[in-house]
């Protein structure tokens, strides 16, 4: 309530018309966000040869793996390792720092017990780093390296989910958003694909 020369003036309520979202932020905040850019970390998990690298290259129209740095299926790993690659994607004025976290060796061993442990340790360590950076007094340069999404590739065997698939998703579902994908789904008939889903 405002008073003007002894008269009570009530501020008018504004009716919000249309969509309220990022594109309706004040221009200054919008320009600052676009100038700073965005960070996104995507983890891809699945057995070798399921087309993880091909899907990432197709999704982001980039060649993440080159002859100098071959894809994980070209490198032989005996244990599960977590490797990350960064690529800067620009579209118009907006730039995105995309971090792809790959897990070569996942599910390739004969004994896959606890093969999810390096993945869980990596995700937890990134959350711990972010929490430590957020707890500091100076938080201006605080990179967000947390894993935002996990694409989990399921082999198109026709037998459904394996115990490893179920156990992995149970262990990670409260730590990161998981999107299960049927790898190479174009090799299945529509009926098989529907049954698999």
C-alpha atoms as a PDB file:
ATOM      1  CA  UNK A   1       0.000   0.000   0.000  1.00  0.00           C
ATOM      2  CA  UNK A   2       1.436   3.378  -1.060  1.00  0.00           C
ATOM      3  CA  UNK A   3       0.324   6.750   0.245  1.00  0.00           C
ATOM      4  CA  UNK A   4       0.280   9.854  -1.925  1.00  0.00           C
ATOM      5  CA  UNK A   5      -0.811  13.132  -0.322  1.00  0.00           C
ATOM      6  CA  UNK A   6      -2.828  11.267   2.302  1.00  0.00           C
ATOM      7  CA  UNK A   7      -4.570   9.055  -0.312  1.00  0.00           C
ATOM      8  CA  UNK A   8      -4.096   5.302  -0.222  1.00  0.00           C
ATOM      9  CA  UNK A   9      -2.999   3.919  -3.556  1.00  0.00           C
ATOM     10  CA  UNK A  10      -2.990   0.158  -4.059  1.00  0.00           C
ATOM     11  CA  UNK A  11      -0.569  -1.153  -6.686  1.00  0.00           C
ATOM     12  CA  UNK A  12      -2.279  -2.751  -9.627  1.00  0.00           C
ATOM     13  CA  UNK A  13      -1.825  -6.470 -10.014  1.00  0.00           C
ATOM     14  CA  UNK A  14      -0.382  -7.495 -13.336  1.00  0.00           C
ATOM     15  CA  UNK A  15      -1.931 -10.357 -15.210  1.00  0.00           C
ATOM     16  CA  UNK A  16       0.684 -12.569 -16.756  1.00  0.00           C
ATOM     17  CA  UNK A  17      -0.194 -13.202 -20.334  1.00  0.00           C
ATOM     18  CA  UNK A  18       1.165 -16.164 -22.184  1.00  0.00           C
ATOM     19  CA  UNK A  19       4.178 -18.323 -21.422  1.00  0.00           C
ATOM     20  CA  UNK A  20       6.486 -17.640 -18.484  1.00  0.00           C
ATOM     21  CA  UNK A  21       9.929 -19.070 -19.127  1.00  0.00           C
ATOM     22  CA  UNK A  22      13.504 -18.498 -20.218  1.00  0.00           C
ATOM     23  CA  UNK A  23      12.592 -16.449 -23.280  1.00  0.00           C
ATOM     24  CA  UNK A  24      10.643 -13.983 -21.116  1.00  0.00           C
ATOM     25  CA  UNK A  25      13.492 -13.178 -18.732  1.00  0.00           C
ATOM     26  CA  UNK A  26      14.666  -9.563 -18.817  1.00  0.00           C
ATOM     27  CA  UNK A  27      17.013  -8.951 -21.711  1.00  0.00           C
ATOM     28  CA  UNK A  28      19.987  -8.318 -19.443  1.00  0.00           C
ATOM     29  CA  UNK A  29      19.734 -11.691 -17.705  1.00  0.00           C
ATOM     30  CA  UNK A  30      19.100 -13.384 -21.045  1.00  0.00           C
ATOM     31  CA  UNK A  31      22.190 -11.815 -22.635  1.00  0.00           C
ATOM     32  CA  UNK A  32      24.317 -12.725 -19.608  1.00  0.00           C
ATOM     33  CA  UNK A  33      23.176 -16.360 -19.721  1.00  0.00           C
ATOM     34  CA  UNK A  34      23.773 -16.653 -23.462  1.00  0.00           C
ATOM     35  CA  UNK A  35      27.189 -14.987 -23.191  1.00  0.00           C
ATOM     36  CA  UNK A  36      28.284 -17.302 -20.385  1.00  0.00           C
ATOM     37  CA  UNK A  37      27.029 -20.388 -22.227  1.00  0.00           C
ATOM     38  CA  UNK A  38      25.665 -23.618 -20.861  1.00  0.00           C
ATOM     39  CA  UNK A  39      27.243 -26.826 -19.582  1.00  0.00           C
ATOM     40  CA  UNK A  40      25.749 -30.273 -20.002  1.00  0.00           C
ATOM     41  CA  UNK A  41      27.250 -33.608 -18.997  1.00  0.00           C
ATOM     42  CA  UNK A  42      25.917 -36.757 -20.615  1.00  0.00           C
ATOM     43  CA  UNK A  43      27.006 -40.241 -19.556  1.00  0.00           C
ATOM     44  CA  UNK A  44      26.677 -43.157 -21.968  1.00  0.00           C
ATOM     45  CA  UNK A  45      26.738 -46.674 -20.536  1.00  0.00           C
ATOM     46  CA  UNK A  46      26.426 -50.020 -22.283  1.00  0.00           C
ATOM     47  CA  UNK A  47      28.353 -52.947 -23.678  1.00  0.00           C
ATOM     48  CA  UNK A  48      30.821 -52.446 -26.519  1.00  0.00           C
ATOM     49  CA  UNK A  49      29.448 -52.412 -30.056  1.00  0.00           C
ATOM     50  CA  UNK A  50      25.954 -51.110 -29.270  1.00  0.00           C
ATOM     51  CA  UNK A  51      26.400 -47.854 -31.220  1.00  0.00           C
ATOM     52  CA  UNK A  52      26.971 -45.402 -28.355  1.00  0.00           C
ATOM     53  CA  UNK A  53      29.545 -43.296 -30.220  1.00  0.00           C
ATOM     54  CA  UNK A  54      27.483 -43.310 -33.399  1.00  0.00           C
ATOM     55  CA  UNK A  55      24.383 -42.080 -31.572  1.00  0.00           C
ATOM     56  CA  UNK A  56      26.290 -39.271 -29.826  1.00  0.00           C
ATOM     57  CA  UNK A  57      27.865 -38.155 -33.118  1.00  0.00           C
ATOM     58  CA  UNK A  58      24.431 -38.178 -34.781  1.00  0.00           C
ATOM     59  CA  UNK A  59      22.643 -36.404 -31.922  1.00  0.00           C
ATOM     60  CA  UNK A  60      25.030 -33.475 -31.731  1.00  0.00           C
ATOM     61  CA  UNK A  61      26.185 -33.381 -35.381  1.00  0.00           C
ATOM     62  CA  UNK A  62      29.790 -33.618 -34.324  1.00  0.00           C
ATOM     63  CA  UNK A  63      32.635 -36.069 -34.761  1.00  0.00           C
ATOM     64  CA  UNK A  64      33.514 -36.726 -31.152  1.00  0.00           C
ATOM     65  CA  UNK A  65      35.849 -39.584 -31.979  1.00  0.00           C
ATOM     66  CA  UNK A  66      38.489 -39.085 -34.673  1.00  0.00           C
ATOM     67  CA  UNK A  67      41.420 -41.174 -35.975  1.00  0.00           C
ATOM     68  CA  UNK A  68      43.678 -39.537 -33.369  1.00  0.00           C
ATOM     69  CA  UNK A  69      41.197 -40.371 -30.593  1.00  0.00           C
ATOM     70  CA  UNK A  70      39.307 -43.547 -31.527  1.00  0.00           C
ATOM     71  CA  UNK A  71      36.008 -44.518 -29.963  1.00  0.00           C
ATOM     72  CA  UNK A  72      35.868 -46.808 -26.945  1.00  0.00           C
ATOM     73  CA  UNK A  73      34.971 -49.852 -29.039  1.00  0.00           C
ATOM     74  CA  UNK A  74      38.329 -49.476 -30.836  1.00  0.00           C
ATOM     75  CA  UNK A  75      40.249 -49.556 -27.548  1.00  0.00           C
ATOM     76  CA  UNK A  76      40.449 -52.821 -25.626  1.00  0.00           C
ATOM     77  CA  UNK A  77      39.811 -52.411 -21.905  1.00  0.00           C
ATOM     78  CA  UNK A  78      39.922 -55.148 -19.319  1.00  0.00           C
ATOM     79  CA  UNK A  79      38.169 -53.179 -16.594  1.00  0.00           C
ATOM     80  CA  UNK A  80      35.473 -50.541 -16.466  1.00  0.00           C
ATOM     81  CA  UNK A  81      37.012 -47.103 -16.811  1.00  0.00           C
ATOM     82  CA  UNK A  82      35.354 -43.724 -16.912  1.00  0.00           C
ATOM     83  CA  UNK A  83      36.591 -41.407 -19.654  1.00  0.00           C
ATOM     84  CA  UNK A  84      35.326 -37.974 -20.559  1.00  0.00           C
ATOM     85  CA  UNK A  85      35.476 -35.914 -23.736  1.00  0.00           C
ATOM     86  CA  UNK A  86      34.509 -32.270 -24.066  1.00  0.00           C
ATOM     87  CA  UNK A  87      33.248 -30.536 -27.146  1.00  0.00           C
ATOM     88  CA  UNK A  88      32.073 -26.953 -27.645  1.00  0.00           C
ATOM     89  CA  UNK A  89      28.897 -26.684 -29.714  1.00  0.00           C
ATOM     90  CA  UNK A  90      27.716 -23.316 -31.024  1.00  0.00           C
ATOM     91  CA  UNK A  91      24.333 -22.685 -32.547  1.00  0.00           C
ATOM     92  CA  UNK A  92      23.541 -19.079 -33.335  1.00  0.00           C
ATOM     93  CA  UNK A  93      24.686 -17.029 -30.357  1.00  0.00           C
ATOM     94  CA  UNK A  94      24.325 -19.867 -27.849  1.00  0.00           C
ATOM     95  CA  UNK A  95      27.280 -22.047 -26.942  1.00  0.00           C
ATOM     96  CA  UNK A  96      27.078 -25.365 -25.128  1.00  0.00           C
ATOM     97  CA  UNK A  97      30.008 -27.096 -23.474  1.00  0.00           C
ATOM     98  CA  UNK A  98      29.051 -30.734 -23.869  1.00  0.00           C
ATOM     99  CA  UNK A  99      30.893 -33.310 -21.789  1.00  0.00           C
ATOM    100  CA  UNK A 100      30.447 -36.921 -22.838  1.00  0.00           C
ATOM    101  CA  UNK A 101      31.347 -39.427 -20.134  1.00  0.00           C
ATOM    102  CA  UNK A 102      31.998 -42.874 -21.562  1.00  0.00           C
ATOM    103  CA  UNK A 103      32.392 -46.171 -19.718  1.00  0.00           C
ATOM    104  CA  UNK A 104      34.394 -48.555 -21.903  1.00  0.00           C
ATOM    105  CA  UNK A 105      34.511 -52.068 -20.531  1.00  0.00           C
ATOM    106  CA  UNK A 106      31.099 -51.922 -18.854  1.00  0.00           C
ATOM    107  CA  UNK A 107      29.357 -55.304 -19.098  1.00  0.00           C
ATOM    108  CA  UNK A 108      32.070 -56.845 -21.288  1.00  0.00           C
ATOM    109  CA  UNK A 109      33.634 -59.114 -18.663  1.00  0.00           C
ATOM    110  CA  UNK A 110      32.593 -62.658 -17.865  1.00  0.00           C
ATOM    111  CA  UNK A 111      32.042 -61.712 -14.210  1.00  0.00           C
ATOM    112  CA  UNK A 112      30.224 -58.364 -14.153  1.00  0.00           C
ATOM    113  CA  UNK A 113      29.638 -58.219 -10.410  1.00  0.00           C
ATOM    114  CA  UNK A 114      30.111 -54.665  -9.111  1.00  0.00           C
ATOM    115  CA  UNK A 115      31.039 -53.332 -12.569  1.00  0.00           C
ATOM    116  CA  UNK A 116      28.810 -50.334 -11.787  1.00  0.00           C
ATOM    117  CA  UNK A 117      31.050 -49.253  -8.886  1.00  0.00           C
ATOM    118  CA  UNK A 118      33.431 -47.061 -10.973  1.00  0.00           C
ATOM    119  CA  UNK A 119      30.375 -45.328 -12.489  1.00  0.00           C
ATOM    120  CA  UNK A 120      28.818 -44.656  -9.068  1.00  0.00           C
ATOM    121  CA  UNK A 121      32.172 -43.434  -7.701  1.00  0.00           C
ATOM    122  CA  UNK A 122      32.561 -41.036 -10.636  1.00  0.00           C
ATOM    123  CA  UNK A 123      29.046 -39.579 -10.229  1.00  0.00           C
ATOM    124  CA  UNK A 124      29.476 -39.205  -6.458  1.00  0.00           C
ATOM    125  CA  UNK A 125      32.861 -37.515  -6.856  1.00  0.00           C
ATOM    126  CA  UNK A 126      31.413 -34.942  -9.280  1.00  0.00           C
ATOM    127  CA  UNK A 127      28.576 -34.127  -6.875  1.00  0.00           C
ATOM    128  CA  UNK A 128      31.122 -33.824  -4.050  1.00  0.00           C
ATOM    129  CA  UNK A 129      33.269 -31.438  -6.145  1.00  0.00           C
ATOM    130  CA  UNK A 130      30.218 -29.297  -6.934  1.00  0.00           C
ATOM    131  CA  UNK A 131      29.159 -29.191  -3.271  1.00  0.00           C
ATOM    132  CA  UNK A 132      32.677 -28.150  -2.202  1.00  0.00           C
ATOM    133  CA  UNK A 133      32.750 -25.406  -4.855  1.00  0.00           C
ATOM    134  CA  UNK A 134      29.299 -24.204  -3.801  1.00  0.00           C
ATOM    135  CA  UNK A 135      30.397 -24.050  -0.145  1.00  0.00           C
ATOM    136  CA  UNK A 136      33.292 -21.669  -0.889  1.00  0.00           C
ATOM    137  CA  UNK A 137      33.055 -17.948  -0.275  1.00  0.00           C
ATOM    138  CA  UNK A 138      33.995 -17.074  -3.874  1.00  0.00           C
ATOM    139  CA  UNK A 139      31.608 -18.930  -6.179  1.00  0.00           C
ATOM    140  CA  UNK A 140      32.090 -16.932  -9.381  1.00  0.00           C
ATOM    141  CA  UNK A 141      33.894 -19.587 -11.408  1.00  0.00           C
ATOM    142  CA  UNK A 142      32.031 -22.701 -10.409  1.00  0.00           C
ATOM    143  CA  UNK A 143      31.975 -25.245 -13.243  1.00  0.00           C
ATOM    144  CA  UNK A 144      29.068 -27.664 -13.178  1.00  0.00           C
ATOM    145  CA  UNK A 145      30.633 -31.055 -13.916  1.00  0.00           C
ATOM    146  CA  UNK A 146      27.822 -33.105 -12.375  1.00  0.00           C
ATOM    147  CA  UNK A 147      26.369 -35.825 -14.570  1.00  0.00           C
ATOM    148  CA  UNK A 148      23.007 -34.478 -15.761  1.00  0.00           C
ATOM    149  CA  UNK A 149      21.773 -37.484 -17.712  1.00  0.00           C
ATOM    150  CA  UNK A 150      22.733 -41.112 -18.330  1.00  0.00           C
ATOM    151  CA  UNK A 151      21.868 -42.926 -21.552  1.00  0.00           C
ATOM    152  CA  UNK A 152      21.779 -46.631 -20.741  1.00  0.00           C
ATOM    153  CA  UNK A 153      22.053 -48.853 -23.824  1.00  0.00           C
ATOM    154  CA  UNK A 154      20.258 -52.201 -23.666  1.00  0.00           C
ATOM    155  CA  UNK A 155      21.358 -54.941 -26.056  1.00  0.00           C
ATOM    156  CA  UNK A 156      18.603 -55.900 -28.572  1.00  0.00           C
ATOM    157  CA  UNK A 157      18.831 -59.574 -27.697  1.00  0.00           C
ATOM    158  CA  UNK A 158      15.084 -60.113 -27.646  1.00  0.00           C
ATOM    159  CA  UNK A 159      15.261 -61.552 -24.142  1.00  0.00           C
ATOM    160  CA  UNK A 160      14.475 -58.294 -22.337  1.00  0.00           C
ATOM    161  CA  UNK A 161      16.472 -56.850 -19.493  1.00  0.00           C
ATOM    162  CA  UNK A 162      19.375 -58.823 -18.074  1.00  0.00           C
ATOM    163  CA  UNK A 163      20.034 -58.908 -14.312  1.00  0.00           C
ATOM    164  CA  UNK A 164      22.979 -56.533 -14.901  1.00  0.00           C
ATOM    165  CA  UNK A 165      20.666 -53.966 -16.535  1.00  0.00           C
ATOM    166  CA  UNK A 166      18.196 -54.099 -13.652  1.00  0.00           C
ATOM    167  CA  UNK A 167      20.885 -53.915 -10.978  1.00  0.00           C
ATOM    168  CA  UNK A 168      22.666 -50.982 -12.670  1.00  0.00           C
ATOM    169  CA  UNK A 169      19.462 -48.952 -12.978  1.00  0.00           C
ATOM    170  CA  UNK A 170      18.495 -49.741  -9.358  1.00  0.00           C
ATOM    171  CA  UNK A 171      21.883 -48.508  -8.139  1.00  0.00           C
ATOM    172  CA  UNK A 172      21.875 -45.289 -10.172  1.00  0.00           C
ATOM    173  CA  UNK A 173      18.252 -44.163 -10.408  1.00  0.00           C
ATOM    174  CA  UNK A 174      18.483 -41.947  -7.314  1.00  0.00           C
ATOM    175  CA  UNK A 175      21.779 -40.351  -8.401  1.00  0.00           C
ATOM    176  CA  UNK A 176      21.173 -39.367 -12.016  1.00  0.00           C
ATOM    177  CA  UNK A 177      18.391 -39.270 -14.612  1.00  0.00           C
ATOM    178  CA  UNK A 178      18.534 -42.531 -16.574  1.00  0.00           C
ATOM    179  CA  UNK A 179      17.144 -42.890 -20.082  1.00  0.00           C
ATOM    180  CA  UNK A 180      17.101 -46.560 -21.146  1.00  0.00           C
ATOM    181  CA  UNK A 181      17.641 -47.051 -24.883  1.00  0.00           C
ATOM    182  CA  UNK A 182      17.166 -50.178 -26.952  1.00  0.00           C
ATOM    183  CA  UNK A 183      20.385 -50.206 -28.943  1.00  0.00           C
ATOM    184  CA  UNK A 184      20.147 -50.927 -32.667  1.00  0.00           C
ATOM    185  CA  UNK A 185      16.339 -51.056 -32.436  1.00  0.00           C
ATOM    186  CA  UNK A 186      16.162 -50.929 -36.234  1.00  0.00           C
ATOM    187  CA  UNK A 187      17.258 -54.590 -36.280  1.00  0.00           C
ATOM    188  CA  UNK A 188      13.999 -55.563 -34.540  1.00  0.00           C
ATOM    189  CA  UNK A 189      10.585 -55.815 -36.163  1.00  0.00           C
ATOM    190  CA  UNK A 190       7.951 -53.379 -34.826  1.00  0.00           C
ATOM    191  CA  UNK A 191       6.275 -56.254 -32.976  1.00  0.00           C
ATOM    192  CA  UNK A 192       9.575 -57.355 -31.361  1.00  0.00           C
ATOM    193  CA  UNK A 193      10.366 -53.774 -30.417  1.00  0.00           C
ATOM    194  CA  UNK A 194       6.958 -53.295 -28.790  1.00  0.00           C
ATOM    195  CA  UNK A 195       7.322 -56.575 -26.896  1.00  0.00           C
ATOM    196  CA  UNK A 196      10.814 -55.552 -25.780  1.00  0.00           C
ATOM    197  CA  UNK A 197       9.482 -52.211 -24.464  1.00  0.00           C
END
